C-alpha atoms as a PDB file:
ATOM      1  CA  MET A   1      11.236  66.914  -4.867  1.00  0.00           C
ATOM      2  CA  ASP A   2      14.525  65.092  -4.615  1.00  0.00           C
ATOM      3  CA  TYR A   3      15.751  62.218  -6.743  1.00  0.00           C
ATOM      4  CA  LEU A   4      15.652  59.649  -3.901  1.00  0.00           C
ATOM      5  CA  ALA A   5      11.976  60.286  -3.133  1.00  0.00           C
ATOM      6  CA  LEU A   6      11.036  59.988  -6.804  1.00  0.00           C
ATOM      7  CA  TYR A   7      13.067  56.796  -7.190  1.00  0.00           C
ATOM      8  CA  LEU A   8      11.531  55.174  -4.101  1.00  0.00           C
ATOM      9  CA  ALA A   9       8.017  56.131  -5.177  1.00  0.00           C
ATOM     10  CA  GLU A  10       8.664  54.563  -8.581  1.00  0.00           C
ATOM     11  CA  GLU A  11       9.955  51.376  -6.939  1.00  0.00           C
ATOM     12  CA  ALA A  12       6.924  51.194  -4.620  1.00  0.00           C
ATOM     13  CA  ARG A  13       4.594  51.535  -7.607  1.00  0.00           C
ATOM     14  CA  ARG A  14       6.566  48.915  -9.551  1.00  0.00           C
ATOM     15  CA  LEU A  15       6.206  46.482  -6.648  1.00  0.00           C
ATOM     16  CA  GLY A  16       2.509  47.268  -6.282  1.00  0.00           C
ATOM     17  CA  LEU A  17       2.870  48.747  -2.808  1.00  0.00           C
ATOM     18  CA  ASP A  18       0.156  51.103  -1.602  1.00  0.00           C
ATOM     19  CA  SER A  19      -0.098  52.593   1.874  1.00  0.00           C
ATOM     20  CA  ALA A  20      -3.846  51.857   1.980  1.00  0.00           C
ATOM     21  CA  ALA A  21      -3.197  48.109   1.635  1.00  0.00           C
ATOM     22  CA  LEU A  22       0.308  47.757   3.030  1.00  0.00           C
ATOM     23  CA  GLU A  23      -0.746  45.290   5.721  1.00  0.00           C
ATOM     24  CA  ASP A  24      -1.968  42.979   2.930  1.00  0.00           C
ATOM     25  CA  ALA A  25       1.239  43.202   0.886  1.00  0.00           C
ATOM     26  CA  PRO A  26       3.279  40.008   0.576  1.00  0.00           C
ATOM     27  CA  PRO A  27       6.177  40.003   3.075  1.00  0.00           C
ATOM     28  CA  ASP A  28       8.734  39.281   0.338  1.00  0.00           C
ATOM     29  CA  THR A  29       7.568  42.374  -1.575  1.00  0.00           C
ATOM     30  CA  VAL A  30       7.929  44.563   1.501  1.00  0.00           C
ATOM     31  CA  GLN A  31      11.359  43.040   2.148  1.00  0.00           C
ATOM     32  CA  THR A  32      12.402  43.747  -1.446  1.00  0.00           C
ATOM     33  CA  PHE A  33      11.383  47.384  -1.060  1.00  0.00           C
ATOM     34  CA  ALA A  34      13.164  47.676   2.297  1.00  0.00           C
ATOM     35  CA  GLN A  35      16.345  46.251   0.744  1.00  0.00           C
ATOM     36  CA  THR A  36      16.071  48.772  -2.093  1.00  0.00           C
ATOM     37  CA  VAL A  37      15.790  51.617   0.429  1.00  0.00           C
ATOM     38  CA  VAL A  38      18.783  50.400   2.429  1.00  0.00           C
ATOM     39  CA  ASN A  39      20.887  49.891  -0.715  1.00  0.00           C
ATOM     40  CA  LYS A  40      20.160  53.441  -1.880  1.00  0.00           C
ATOM     41  CA  LEU A  41      21.036  54.874   1.544  1.00  0.00           C
ATOM     42  CA  VAL A  42      24.313  52.941   1.508  1.00  0.00           C
ATOM     43  CA  ALA A  43      25.053  54.182  -2.012  1.00  0.00           C
ATOM     44  CA  LEU A  44      24.509  57.755  -0.823  1.00  0.00           C
ATOM     45  CA  GLY A  45      26.872  57.191   2.113  1.00  0.00           C
ATOM     46  CA  LEU A  46      24.114  57.650   4.678  1.00  0.00           C
ATOM     47  CA  LEU A  47      24.407  54.091   6.046  1.00  0.00           C
ATOM     48  CA  ARG A  48      27.340  51.741   6.346  1.00  0.00           C
ATOM     49  CA  GLY A  49      27.296  48.890   3.892  1.00  0.00           C
ATOM     50  CA  ARG A  50      29.044  45.583   3.643  1.00  0.00           C
ATOM     51  CA  GLU A  51      32.715  45.804   2.864  1.00  0.00           C
ATOM     52  CA  GLU A  52      33.510  44.130  -0.408  1.00  0.00           C
ATOM     53  CA  VAL A  53      36.386  41.730  -0.740  1.00  0.00           C
ATOM     54  CA  GLY A  54      39.147  43.337  -2.744  1.00  0.00           C
ATOM     55  CA  CYS A  55      37.689  46.816  -2.465  1.00  0.00           C
ATOM     56  CA  TRP A  56      40.225  49.431  -3.602  1.00  0.00           C
ATOM     57  CA  ALA A  57      39.131  51.801  -0.834  1.00  0.00           C
ATOM     58  CA  ALA A  58      40.711  49.506   1.774  1.00  0.00           C
ATOM     59  CA  PRO A  59      44.460  49.388   2.352  1.00  0.00           C
ATOM     60  CA  ARG A  60      46.163  46.419   0.734  1.00  0.00           C
ATOM     61  CA  SER A  61      47.598  43.703   2.904  1.00  0.00           C
ATOM     62  CA  ALA A  62      51.362  43.848   3.472  1.00  0.00           C
ATOM     63  CA  LYS A  63      51.483  40.103   2.716  1.00  0.00           C
ATOM     64  CA  HIS A  64      51.050  40.683  -1.043  1.00  0.00           C
END
Protein backbone atom coordinates (compact mmCIF):
# COMPACT_ATOMS: atom_id res chain seq x y z
CA MET A 1 0.00 0.00 0.00
CA ASP A 2 1.35 3.42 -0.82
CA TYR A 3 2.28 6.18 1.59
CA LEU A 4 -0.55 8.52 0.51
CA ALA A 5 -3.27 5.95 1.20
CA LEU A 6 -1.83 5.18 4.64
CA TYR A 7 -1.53 8.88 5.47
CA LEU A 8 -5.10 9.65 4.39
CA ALA A 9 -6.47 6.69 6.33
CA GLU A 10 -4.63 7.91 9.43
CA GLU A 11 -6.05 11.42 8.97
CA ALA A 12 -9.59 10.06 8.52
CA ARG A 13 -9.25 8.05 11.73
CA ARG A 14 -7.82 11.07 13.56
CA LEU A 15 -10.81 13.16 12.49
CA GLY A 16 -13.24 10.40 13.44
CA LEU A 17 -14.47 9.85 9.89
CA ASP A 18 -16.08 6.52 9.08
CA SER A 19 -17.72 5.60 5.79
CA ALA A 20 -20.66 4.00 7.64
CA ALA A 21 -21.55 7.33 9.27
CA LEU A 22 -20.14 9.85 6.81
CA GLU A 23 -23.49 11.53 6.21
CA ASP A 24 -23.61 12.32 9.95
CA ALA A 25 -20.09 13.78 10.09
CA PRO A 26 -19.83 17.49 10.86
CA PRO A 27 -19.34 19.51 7.64
CA ASP A 28 -16.25 21.25 9.02
CA THR A 29 -14.62 17.86 9.68
CA VAL A 30 -15.31 16.70 6.14
CA GLN A 31 -13.98 20.01 4.82
CA THR A 32 -10.82 19.62 6.91
CA PHE A 33 -10.25 16.16 5.45
CA ALA A 34 -10.92 17.39 1.90
CA GLN A 35 -8.40 20.21 2.39
CA THR A 36 -5.84 17.69 3.65
CA VAL A 37 -6.37 15.55 0.53
CA VAL A 38 -6.03 18.53 -1.80
CA ASN A 39 -2.91 19.79 0.00
CA LYS A 40 -1.24 16.38 -0.31
CA LEU A 41 -2.10 16.17 -4.02
CA VAL A 42 -0.63 19.64 -4.56
CA ALA A 43 2.50 18.65 -2.63
CA LEU A 44 2.89 15.62 -4.90
CA GLY A 45 2.51 17.82 -7.99
CA LEU A 46 -0.73 16.14 -9.03
CA LEU A 47 -2.82 19.33 -8.69
CA ARG A 48 -1.96 22.97 -9.16
CA GLY A 49 -1.69 24.92 -5.96
CA ARG A 50 -1.71 28.57 -5.07
CA GLU A 51 1.36 30.45 -6.12
CA GLU A 52 3.18 31.86 -3.15
CA VAL A 53 4.36 35.43 -3.07
CA GLY A 54 8.12 35.53 -3.38
CA CYS A 55 8.39 31.92 -4.49
CA TRP A 56 11.89 31.19 -5.82
CA ALA A 57 10.45 28.98 -8.57
CA ALA A 58 9.02 32.07 -10.31
CA PRO A 59 11.20 34.44 -12.33
CA ARG A 60 12.11 37.61 -10.48
CA SER A 61 10.67 40.89 -11.63
CA ALA A 62 12.97 43.06 -13.76
CA LYS A 63 11.96 46.03 -11.58
CA HIS A 64 14.16 44.86 -8.67
